[in-house]
PDB file of N, CA and C in Angstrom:
ATOM      1  N   MET A   1     113.316  83.429 106.382  1.00  0.00           N
ATOM      2  CA  MET A   1     113.048  83.979 105.433  1.00  0.00           C
ATOM      3  C   MET A   1     111.691  84.049 105.900  1.00  0.00           C
ATOM      4  N   LEU A   2     111.370  85.420 105.924  1.00  0.00           N
ATOM      5  CA  LEU A   2     109.646  86.233 106.403  1.00  0.00           C
ATOM      6  C   LEU A   2     108.783  86.901 105.234  1.00  0.00           C
ATOM      7  N   ARG A   3     108.262  85.792 104.830  1.00  0.00           N
ATOM      8  CA  ARG A   3     107.318  86.508 103.618  1.00  0.00           C
ATOM      9  C   ARG A   3     105.517  87.232 104.314  1.00  0.00           C
ATOM     10  N   ARG A   4     105.234  88.270 104.148  1.00  0.00           N
ATOM     11  CA  ARG A   4     103.917  88.024 104.373  1.00  0.00           C
ATOM     12  C   ARG A   4     103.311  88.887 103.070  1.00  0.00           C
ATOM     13  N   PRO A   5     101.758  88.574 102.757  1.00  0.00           N
ATOM     14  CA  PRO A   5     101.238  89.270 101.691  1.00  0.00           C
ATOM     15  C   PRO A   5     100.636  90.844 101.970  1.00  0.00           C
ATOM     16  N   PRO A   6     100.474  91.580 101.506  1.00  0.00           N
ATOM     17  CA  PRO A   6     100.091  92.535 101.250  1.00  0.00           C
ATOM     18  C   PRO A   6      98.692  92.682 102.203  1.00  0.00           C
ATOM     19  N   TYR A   7      98.594  93.971 102.699  1.00  0.00           N
ATOM     20  CA  TYR A   7      96.951  94.313 103.274  1.00  0.00           C
ATOM     21  C   TYR A   7      95.941  93.979 102.276  1.00  0.00           C
ATOM     22  N   PRO A   8      95.039  93.958 101.926  1.00  0.00           N
ATOM     23  CA  PRO A   8      93.942  94.815 101.075  1.00  0.00           C
ATOM     24  C   PRO A   8      94.165  96.361 100.928  1.00  0.00           C
ATOM     25  N   ALA A   9      94.406  97.071  99.961  1.00  0.00           N
ATOM     26  CA  ALA A   9      93.864  98.522  99.972  1.00  0.00           C
ATOM     27  C   ALA A   9      93.433  98.789  98.570  1.00  0.00           C
ATOM     28  N   SER A  10      92.977  99.895  98.245  1.00  0.00           N
ATOM     29  CA  SER A  10      92.250 100.462  97.451  1.00  0.00           C
ATOM     30  C   SER A  10      93.309 101.089  96.057  1.00  0.00           C
ATOM     31  N   LEU A  11      92.881 101.066  95.167  1.00  0.00           N
ATOM     32  CA  LEU A  11      93.786 101.545  93.856  1.00  0.00           C
ATOM     33  C   LEU A  11      94.282 103.200  94.642  1.00  0.00           C
ATOM     34  N   GLU A  12      93.332 103.876  95.175  1.00  0.00           N
ATOM     35  CA  GLU A  12      94.428 104.879  95.523  1.00  0.00           C
ATOM     36  C   GLU A  12      95.380 104.729  96.504  1.00  0.00           C
ATOM     37  N   THR A  13      95.148 104.399  97.403  1.00  0.00           N
ATOM     38  CA  THR A  13      96.032 103.873  98.710  1.00  0.00           C
ATOM     39  C   THR A  13      97.331 103.211  97.874  1.00  0.00           C
ATOM     40  N   ARG A  14      97.118 102.173  97.324  1.00  0.00           N
ATOM     41  CA  ARG A  14      97.940 101.519  96.671  1.00  0.00           C
ATOM     42  C   ARG A  14      99.570 102.772  95.540  1.00  0.00           C
ATOM     43  N   LYS A  15      98.529 103.528  95.048  1.00  0.00           N
ATOM     44  CA  LYS A  15      99.335 104.773  94.293  1.00  0.00           C
ATOM     45  C   LYS A  15      99.943 105.479  94.836  1.00  0.00           C
ATOM     46  N   GLU A  16      99.353 105.669  96.325  1.00  0.00           N
ATOM     47  CA  GLU A  16      99.744 106.627  97.417  1.00  0.00           C
ATOM     48  C   GLU A  16     101.054 105.853  97.894  1.00  0.00           C
ATOM     49  N   ILE A  17     101.068 104.539  98.537  1.00  0.00           N
ATOM     50  CA  ILE A  17     101.911 103.787  98.797  1.00  0.00           C
ATOM     51  C   ILE A  17     103.519 103.597  97.719  1.00  0.00           C
ATOM     52  N   GLU A  18     103.022 103.586  96.324  1.00  0.00           N
ATOM     53  CA  GLU A  18     103.905 103.385  95.515  1.00  0.00           C
ATOM     54  C   GLU A  18     104.902 104.805  95.554  1.00  0.00           C
ATOM     55  N   LYS A  19     104.095 105.728  95.341  1.00  0.00           N
ATOM     56  CA  LYS A  19     104.884 107.224  95.317  1.00  0.00           C
ATOM     57  C   LYS A  19     105.471 107.405  96.408  1.00  0.00           C
ATOM     58  N   HIS A  20     105.222 106.882  97.984  1.00  0.00           N
ATOM     59  CA  HIS A  20     106.085 106.914  99.072  1.00  0.00           C
ATOM     60  C   HIS A  20     107.560 106.193  98.619  1.00  0.00           C
ATOM     61  N   ILE A  21     106.930 104.454  97.950  1.00  0.00           N
ATOM     62  CA  ILE A  21     108.353 103.769  97.847  1.00  0.00           C
ATOM     63  C   ILE A  21     109.488 104.590  96.738  1.00  0.00           C
ATOM     64  N   ASN A  22     108.572 105.467  95.774  1.00  0.00           N
ATOM     65  CA  ASN A  22     109.578 105.659  94.817  1.00  0.00           C
ATOM     66  C   ASN A  22     110.221 107.057  95.480  1.00  0.00           C
ATOM     67  N   GLU A  23     109.919 107.303  96.464  1.00  0.00           N
ATOM     68  CA  GLU A  23     110.290 108.948  96.696  1.00  0.00           C
ATOM     69  C   GLU A  23     112.006 107.874  97.953  1.00  0.00           C
ATOM     70  N   LEU A  24     111.598 106.913  98.403  1.00  0.00           N
ATOM     71  CA  LEU A  24     112.622 106.169  99.203  1.00  0.00           C
ATOM     72  C   LEU A  24     113.778 105.611  98.356  1.00  0.00           C
ATOM     73  N   LEU A  25     113.549 105.121  97.041  1.00  0.00           N
ATOM     74  CA  LEU A  25     113.902 105.200  96.025  1.00  0.00           C
ATOM     75  C   LEU A  25     115.219 106.262  95.316  1.00  0.00           C
ATOM     76  N   ASN A  26     113.928 107.567  95.687  1.00  0.00           N
ATOM     77  CA  ASN A  26     114.942 108.386  94.647  1.00  0.00           C
ATOM     78  C   ASN A  26     115.583 109.243  95.653  1.00  0.00           C
ATOM     79  N   MET A  27     115.998 108.721  96.841  1.00  0.00           N
ATOM     80  CA  MET A  27     116.582 109.225  98.156  1.00  0.00           C
ATOM     81  C   MET A  27     117.488 108.633  98.190  1.00  0.00           C
ATOM     82  N   ASP A  28     117.620 107.380  97.700  1.00  0.00           N
ATOM     83  CA  ASP A  28     119.065 106.155  98.148  1.00  0.00           C
ATOM     84  C   ASP A  28     118.561 105.662  98.873  1.00  0.00           C
ATOM     85  N   LEU A  29     117.297 105.573 100.041  1.00  0.00           N
ATOM     86  CA  LEU A  29     117.299 105.052 100.962  1.00  0.00           C
ATOM     87  C   LEU A  29     116.744 103.869 100.866  1.00  0.00           C
ATOM     88  N   SER A  30     116.373 103.123  99.856  1.00  0.00           N
ATOM     89  CA  SER A  30     116.234 101.844  99.762  1.00  0.00           C
ATOM     90  C   SER A  30     116.292 101.656  98.179  1.00  0.00           C
ATOM     91  N   ARG A  31     116.181  99.748  98.123  1.00  0.00           N
ATOM     92  CA  ARG A  31     116.579  99.627  96.522  1.00  0.00           C
ATOM     93  C   ARG A  31     115.549  98.385  96.136  1.00  0.00           C
ATOM     94  N   LYS A  32     115.496  98.463  94.950  1.00  0.00           N
ATOM     95  CA  LYS A  32     114.366  97.313  94.332  1.00  0.00           C
ATOM     96  C   LYS A  32     115.343  96.146  94.662  1.00  0.00           C
ATOM     97  N   ILE A  33     114.694  95.029  94.717  1.00  0.00           N
ATOM     98  CA  ILE A  33     115.523  93.303  94.790  1.00  0.00           C
ATOM     99  C   ILE A  33     115.307  92.847  93.693  1.00  0.00           C
ATOM    100  N   GLY A  34     116.497  91.713  93.483  1.00  0.00           N
ATOM    101  CA  GLY A  34     116.126  90.975  92.309  1.00  0.00           C
ATOM    102  C   GLY A  34     115.170  89.876  92.394  1.00  0.00           C
ATOM    103  N   HIS A  35     114.700  88.971  91.627  1.00  0.00           N
ATOM    104  CA  HIS A  35     113.811  87.966  91.946  1.00  0.00           C
ATOM    105  C   HIS A  35     114.487  86.915  92.516  1.00  0.00           C
ATOM    106  N   ASN A  36     115.751  86.457  92.519  1.00  0.00           N
ATOM    107  CA  ASN A  36     116.235  85.694  93.297  1.00  0.00           C
ATOM    108  C   ASN A  36     116.985  86.360  94.818  1.00  0.00           C
ATOM    109  N   GLU A  37     117.000  86.968  95.634  1.00  0.00           N
ATOM    110  CA  GLU A  37     117.239  87.800  96.690  1.00  0.00           C
ATOM    111  C   GLU A  37     116.369  87.284  97.686  1.00  0.00           C
ATOM    112  N   ILE A  38     117.359  87.029  98.938  1.00  0.00           N
ATOM    113  CA  ILE A  38     116.463  86.805  99.938  1.00  0.00           C
ATOM    114  C   ILE A  38     116.517  87.842 100.605  1.00  0.00           C
ATOM    115  N   VAL A  39     115.194  88.042 101.094  1.00  0.00           N
ATOM    116  CA  VAL A  39     114.969  89.272 102.265  1.00  0.00           C
ATOM    117  C   VAL A  39     114.031  89.080 103.173  1.00  0.00           C
ATOM    118  N   GLU A  40     114.040  89.783 103.824  1.00  0.00           N
ATOM    119  CA  GLU A  40     112.945  89.577 105.266  1.00  0.00           C
ATOM    120  C   GLU A  40     112.033  90.657 104.821  1.00  0.00           C
ATOM    121  N   ILE A  41     110.851  90.616 104.608  1.00  0.00           N
ATOM    122  CA  ILE A  41     109.649  91.466 104.274  1.00  0.00           C
ATOM    123  C   ILE A  41     108.825  92.268 105.203  1.00  0.00           C
ATOM    124  N   THR A  42     108.785  93.198 105.331  1.00  0.00           N
ATOM    125  CA  THR A  42     107.541  93.588 106.103  1.00  0.00           C
ATOM    126  C   THR A  42     106.642  94.417 105.235  1.00  0.00           C
ATOM    127  N   THR A  43     105.231  94.022 106.183  1.00  0.00           N
ATOM    128  CA  THR A  43     104.049  95.093 105.072  1.00  0.00           C
ATOM    129  C   THR A  43     103.817  96.594 105.014  1.00  0.00           C
ATOM    130  N   PRO A  44     103.585  96.867 103.746  1.00  0.00           N
ATOM    131  CA  PRO A  44     103.939  98.283 104.010  1.00  0.00           C
ATOM    132  C   PRO A  44     102.289  98.846 104.206  1.00  0.00           C
ATOM    133  N   VAL A  45     102.263  99.988 105.343  1.00  0.00           N
ATOM    134  CA  VAL A  45     100.730 100.304 105.771  1.00  0.00           C
ATOM    135  C   VAL A  45     101.174 101.915 105.589  1.00  0.00           C
ATOM    136  N   LEU A  46      99.998 102.657 104.930  1.00  0.00           N
ATOM    137  CA  LEU A  46      99.917 103.450 104.883  1.00  0.00           C
ATOM    138  C   LEU A  46      98.938 104.484 105.712  1.00  0.00           C
ATOM    139  N   ILE A  47      99.605 105.634 106.329  1.00  0.00           N
ATOM    140  CA  ILE A  47      98.657 106.549 107.541  1.00  0.00           C
ATOM    141  C   ILE A  47      98.789 107.398 107.195  1.00  0.00           C
ATOM    142  N   THR A  48      97.309 107.711 107.037  1.00  0.00           N
ATOM    143  CA  THR A  48      96.810 109.054 106.296  1.00  0.00           C
ATOM    144  C   THR A  48      96.316 109.964 107.488  1.00  0.00           C
ATOM    145  N   TRP A  49      97.056 111.125 108.083  1.00  0.00           N
ATOM    146  CA  TRP A  49      96.163 111.955 108.924  1.00  0.00           C
ATOM    147  C   TRP A  49      95.000 112.938 108.637  1.00  0.00           C
ATOM    148  N   HIS A  50      94.147 113.628 109.193  1.00  0.00           N
ATOM    149  CA  HIS A  50      93.324 114.791 108.815  1.00  0.00           C
ATOM    150  C   HIS A  50      92.922 115.613 107.464  1.00  0.00           C
ATOM    151  N   ASP A  51      94.308 115.851 107.578  1.00  0.00           N
ATOM    152  CA  ASP A  51      94.717 117.099 106.575  1.00  0.00           C
ATOM    153  C   ASP A  51      94.881 116.310 105.573  1.00  0.00           C
ATOM    154  N   GLY A  52      95.019 114.920 105.101  1.00  0.00           N
ATOM    155  CA  GLY A  52      94.881 114.691 103.878  1.00  0.00           C
ATOM    156  C   GLY A  52      96.606 113.803 103.326  1.00  0.00           C
ATOM    157  N   LYS A  53      97.457 114.532 104.659  1.00  0.00           N
ATOM    158  CA  LYS A  53      98.980 114.195 104.331  1.00  0.00           C
ATOM    159  C   LYS A  53      98.953 112.527 104.732  1.00  0.00           C
ATOM    160  N   SER A  54      99.987 111.760 104.368  1.00  0.00           N
ATOM    161  CA  SER A  54     100.156 110.416 104.458  1.00  0.00           C
ATOM    162  C   SER A  54     101.825 109.989 104.587  1.00  0.00           C
ATOM    163  N   ARG A  55     101.711 109.011 105.424  1.00  0.00           N
ATOM    164  CA  ARG A  55     103.432 108.799 105.911  1.00  0.00           C
ATOM    165  C   ARG A  55     103.233 107.208 105.464  1.00  0.00           C
ATOM    166  N   LEU A  56     104.213 106.739 104.960  1.00  0.00           N
ATOM    167  CA  LEU A  56     104.371 105.022 104.737  1.00  0.00           C
ATOM    168  C   LEU A  56     104.885 104.340 105.937  1.00  0.00           C
ATOM    169  N   CYS A  57     104.379 103.142 106.678  1.00  0.00           N
ATOM    170  CA  CYS A  57     104.988 102.721 107.660  1.00  0.00           C
ATOM    171  C   CYS A  57     105.200 101.295 107.738  1.00  0.00           C
ATOM    172  N   GLY A  58     105.820 100.980 108.256  1.00  0.00           N
ATOM    173  CA  GLY A  58     105.705  99.315 108.020  1.00  0.00           C
ATOM    174  C   GLY A  58     105.483  98.456 108.911  1.00  0.00           C
ATOM    175  N   ASP A  59     104.315  97.233 108.965  1.00  0.00           N
ATOM    176  CA  ASP A  59     103.806  96.702 109.701  1.00  0.00           C
ATOM    177  C   ASP A  59     104.958  95.403 110.308  1.00  0.00           C
ATOM    178  N   PHE A  60     105.864  95.509 111.539  1.00  0.00           N
ATOM    179  CA  PHE A  60     106.943  94.708 111.709  1.00  0.00           C
ATOM    180  C   PHE A  60     106.590  93.513 112.730  1.00  0.00           C
ATOM    181  N   ARG A  61     105.682  93.290 113.526  1.00  0.00           N
ATOM    182  CA  ARG A  61     105.075  92.618 114.137  1.00  0.00           C
ATOM    183  C   ARG A  61     105.664  91.227 113.758  1.00  0.00           C
ATOM    184  N   ALA A  62     105.534  90.586 112.942  1.00  0.00           N
ATOM    185  CA  ALA A  62     105.982  89.345 112.636  1.00  0.00           C
ATOM    186  C   ALA A  62     107.317  88.932 112.795  1.00  0.00           C
ATOM    187  N   LEU A  63     108.278  90.376 112.975  1.00  0.00           N
ATOM    188  CA  LEU A  63     109.692  90.349 113.559  1.00  0.00           C
ATOM    189  C   LEU A  63     109.840  89.777 114.765  1.00  0.00           C
ATOM    190  N   ASN A  64     108.765  90.122 115.745  1.00  0.00           N
ATOM    191  CA  ASN A  64     108.852  89.875 116.907  1.00  0.00           C
ATOM    192  C   ASN A  64     109.362  88.266 117.285  1.00  0.00           C
ATOM    193  N   ASN A  65     108.880  87.290 116.558  1.00  0.00           N
ATOM    194  CA  ASN A  65     109.102  86.592 116.427  1.00  0.00           C
ATOM    195  C   ASN A  65     110.777  85.533 116.822  1.00  0.00           C
ATOM    196  N   TYR A  66     111.130  86.820 115.939  1.00  0.00           N
ATOM    197  CA  TYR A  66     112.716  86.657 115.255  1.00  0.00           C
ATOM    198  C   TYR A  66     113.684  87.241 116.308  1.00  0.00           C
ATOM    199  N   THR A  67     112.999  87.874 117.129  1.00  0.00           N
ATOM    200  CA  THR A  67     114.059  88.969 118.011  1.00  0.00           C
ATOM    201  C   THR A  67     114.068  88.668 119.406  1.00  0.00           C
ATOM    202  N   LYS A  68     114.937  89.289 120.156  1.00  0.00           N
ATOM    203  CA  LYS A  68     115.682  88.898 121.063  1.00  0.00           C
ATOM    204  C   LYS A  68     114.935  90.300 122.142  1.00  0.00           C
ATOM    205  N   SER A  69     114.131  89.665 123.209  1.00  0.00           N
ATOM    206  CA  SER A  69     113.159  91.178 124.032  1.00  0.00           C
ATOM    207  C   SER A  69     114.278  91.208 125.364  1.00  0.00           C
ATOM    208  N   GLU A  70     114.592  92.459 125.261  1.00  0.00           N
ATOM    209  CA  GLU A  70     115.338  93.356 126.412  1.00  0.00           C
ATOM    210  C   GLU A  70     114.541  94.135 127.000  1.00  0.00           C
ATOM    211  N   ARG A  71     114.488  93.972 128.369  1.00  0.00           N
ATOM    212  CA  ARG A  71     113.954  94.959 129.630  1.00  0.00           C
ATOM    213  C   ARG A  71     114.344  95.703 129.747  1.00  0.00           C
ATOM    214  N   TYR A  72     113.749  97.219 129.853  1.00  0.00           N
ATOM    215  CA  TYR A  72     114.229  98.617 130.090  1.00  0.00           C
ATOM    216  C   TYR A  72     112.987  99.197 130.665  1.00  0.00           C
ATOM    217  N   PRO A  73     113.454  99.461 132.171  1.00  0.00           N
ATOM    218  CA  PRO A  73     112.092  99.937 132.830  1.00  0.00           C
ATOM    219  C   PRO A  73     111.543 101.469 132.232  1.00  0.00           C
ATOM    220  N   ILE A  74     110.665 101.856 132.198  1.00  0.00           N
ATOM    221  CA  ILE A  74     110.317 102.857 131.871  1.00  0.00           C
ATOM    222  C   ILE A  74     109.950 103.805 132.974  1.00  0.00           C
ATOM    223  N   PRO A  75     110.357 105.250 133.484  1.00  0.00           N
ATOM    224  CA  PRO A  75     110.512 105.812 134.552  1.00  0.00           C
ATOM    225  C   PRO A  75     108.617 106.298 134.589  1.00  0.00           C
ATOM    226  N   ARG A  76     108.326 106.124 136.311  1.00  0.00           N
ATOM    227  CA  ARG A  76     107.269 106.214 136.601  1.00  0.00           C
ATOM    228  C   ARG A  76     106.624 107.610 136.265  1.00  0.00           C
ATOM    229  N   ILE A  77     105.400 108.092 136.251  1.00  0.00           N
ATOM    230  CA  ILE A  77     104.853 108.964 135.410  1.00  0.00           C
ATOM    231  C   ILE A  77     104.662 110.433 136.472  1.00  0.00           C
ATOM    232  N   PRO A  78     104.885 109.751 137.906  1.00  0.00           N
ATOM    233  CA  PRO A  78     104.874 110.941 138.819  1.00  0.00           C
ATOM    234  C   PRO A  78     106.278 111.675 138.918  1.00  0.00           C
ATOM    235  N   HIS A  79     108.097 110.542 138.785  1.00  0.00           N
ATOM    236  CA  HIS A  79     108.867 111.183 138.777  1.00  0.00           C
ATOM    237  C   HIS A  79     109.146 111.717 137.501  1.00  0.00           C
ATOM    238  N   ALA A  80     108.786 111.332 135.902  1.00  0.00           N
ATOM    239  CA  ALA A  80     108.469 112.232 135.086  1.00  0.00           C
ATOM    240  C   ALA A  80     108.178 113.694 135.212  1.00  0.00           C
ATOM    241  N   LEU A  81     106.856 113.556 135.930  1.00  0.00           N
ATOM    242  CA  LEU A  81     106.195 114.730 135.823  1.00  0.00           C
ATOM    243  C   LEU A  81     107.082 115.935 137.055  1.00  0.00           C
ATOM    244  N   ASP A  82     107.738 115.039 137.867  1.00  0.00           N
ATOM    245  CA  ASP A  82     108.585 116.433 138.938  1.00  0.00           C
ATOM    246  C   ASP A  82     109.891 116.781 137.857  1.00  0.00           C
ATOM    247  N   LYS A  83     110.326 115.569 137.237  1.00  0.00           N
ATOM    248  CA  LYS A  83     111.595 116.582 136.119  1.00  0.00           C
ATOM    249  C   LYS A  83     111.107 117.875 135.358  1.00  0.00           C
ATOM    250  N   LEU A  84     109.608 117.123 134.715  1.00  0.00           N
ATOM    251  CA  LEU A  84     108.995 118.232 133.609  1.00  0.00           C
ATOM    252  C   LEU A  84     108.846 119.706 134.471  1.00  0.00           C
ATOM    253  N   ALA A  85     108.529 119.513 135.920  1.00  0.00           N
ATOM    254  CA  ALA A  85     108.103 120.787 136.651  1.00  0.00           C
ATOM    255  C   ALA A  85     109.259 121.337 136.679  1.00  0.00           C
ATOM    256  N   LYS A  86     110.486 121.211 136.714  1.00  0.00           N
ATOM    257  CA  LYS A  86     111.838 121.816 136.805  1.00  0.00           C
ATOM    258  C   LYS A  86     112.278 122.477 135.594  1.00  0.00           C
ATOM    259  N   ALA A  87     111.563 121.983 134.475  1.00  0.00           N
ATOM    260  CA  ALA A  87     112.294 122.179 133.250  1.00  0.00           C
ATOM    261  C   ALA A  87     112.291 123.737 132.786  1.00  0.00           C
ATOM    262  N   LYS A  88     113.301 124.460 131.976  1.00  0.00           N
ATOM    263  CA  LYS A  88     113.090 125.714 131.552  1.00  0.00           C
ATOM    264  C   LYS A  88     112.468 125.545 130.287  1.00  0.00           C
ATOM    265  N   TYR A  89     112.433 124.567 129.792  1.00  0.00           N
ATOM    266  CA  TYR A  89     112.133 124.836 128.384  1.00  0.00           C
ATOM    267  C   TYR A  89     111.169 123.070 127.898  1.00  0.00           C
ATOM    268  N   ILE A  90     109.905 123.238 127.471  1.00  0.00           N
ATOM    269  CA  ILE A  90     109.493 122.041 127.152  1.00  0.00           C
ATOM    270  C   ILE A  90     109.590 121.788 125.749  1.00  0.00           C
ATOM    271  N   THR A  91     109.796 120.820 125.092  1.00  0.00           N
ATOM    272  CA  THR A  91     109.774 121.112 123.517  1.00  0.00           C
ATOM    273  C   THR A  91     109.224 120.162 122.736  1.00  0.00           C
ATOM    274  N   LYS A  92     108.013 120.134 121.924  1.00  0.00           N
ATOM    275  CA  LYS A  92     107.128 118.731 121.013  1.00  0.00           C
ATOM    276  C   LYS A  92     107.601 119.076 119.962  1.00  0.00           C
ATOM    277  N   MET A  93     108.439 118.089 118.971  1.00  0.00           N
ATOM    278  CA  MET A  93     108.693 118.038 117.584  1.00  0.00           C
ATOM    279  C   MET A  93     108.079 116.666 116.951  1.00  0.00           C
ATOM    280  N   ASP A  94     107.516 116.964 115.659  1.00  0.00           N
ATOM    281  CA  ASP A  94     107.579 115.958 114.791  1.00  0.00           C
ATOM    282  C   ASP A  94     108.165 116.125 113.642  1.00  0.00           C
ATOM    283  N   CYS A  95     109.501 115.192 113.611  1.00  0.00           N
ATOM    284  CA  CYS A  95     110.366 115.683 112.224  1.00  0.00           C
ATOM    285  C   CYS A  95     109.985 114.950 111.067  1.00  0.00           C
ATOM    286  N   MET A  96     109.908 115.553 109.924  1.00  0.00           N
ATOM    287  CA  MET A  96     109.105 114.906 108.730  1.00  0.00           C
ATOM    288  C   MET A  96     110.278 114.119 108.201  1.00  0.00           C
ATOM    289  N   LYS A  97     109.987 113.100 108.196  1.00  0.00           N
ATOM    290  CA  LYS A  97     111.176 111.643 107.446  1.00  0.00           C
ATOM    291  C   LYS A  97     111.958 111.868 108.552  1.00  0.00           C
ATOM    292  N   GLY A  98     112.102 111.905 110.102  1.00  0.00           N
ATOM    293  CA  GLY A  98     112.535 111.611 111.056  1.00  0.00           C
ATOM    294  C   GLY A  98     113.653 110.609 110.842  1.00  0.00           C
ATOM    295  N   PHE A  99     113.025 109.385 110.357  1.00  0.00           N
ATOM    296  CA  PHE A  99     114.146 108.389 110.550  1.00  0.00           C
ATOM    297  C   PHE A  99     115.040 108.196 109.329  1.00  0.00           C
ATOM    298  N   HIS A 100     115.082 109.240 108.163  1.00  0.00           N
ATOM    299  CA  HIS A 100     115.438 109.175 106.963  1.00  0.00           C
ATOM    300  C   HIS A 100     116.769 110.048 107.313  1.00  0.00           C
ATOM    301  N   GLN A 101     116.886 110.927 108.444  1.00  0.00           N
ATOM    302  CA  GLN A 101     117.721 111.875 108.320  1.00  0.00           C
ATOM    303  C   GLN A 101     119.298 111.464 107.853  1.00  0.00           C
ATOM    304  N   ASN A 102     120.110 112.238 107.240  1.00  0.00           N
ATOM    305  CA  ASN A 102     121.622 111.991 107.033  1.00  0.00           C
ATOM    306  C   ASN A 102     121.759 112.389 108.075  1.00  0.00           C
TER     307      ASN A 102
END
């Protein structure tokens, strides 16, 4: 079992984290746990953009000690740029709530 204490946060940040957690609960993407349940816990981190919008993330670095590494090579930049030069369309997307799409 992995447990980590929360990072220090201001009252305003804690309220914003709670708002995001309530959204996940309302969307049935998360659930509250009982006191006797054994779970692996991550530390919540709030990322705030310059425009004031925020996104809830998790600090999963502690899980690295429990996961198996698999090596997949990343393409070399010149090779990737050669492929992009021949592309008809190049798209950039940032899907809001991308991890939680149904």
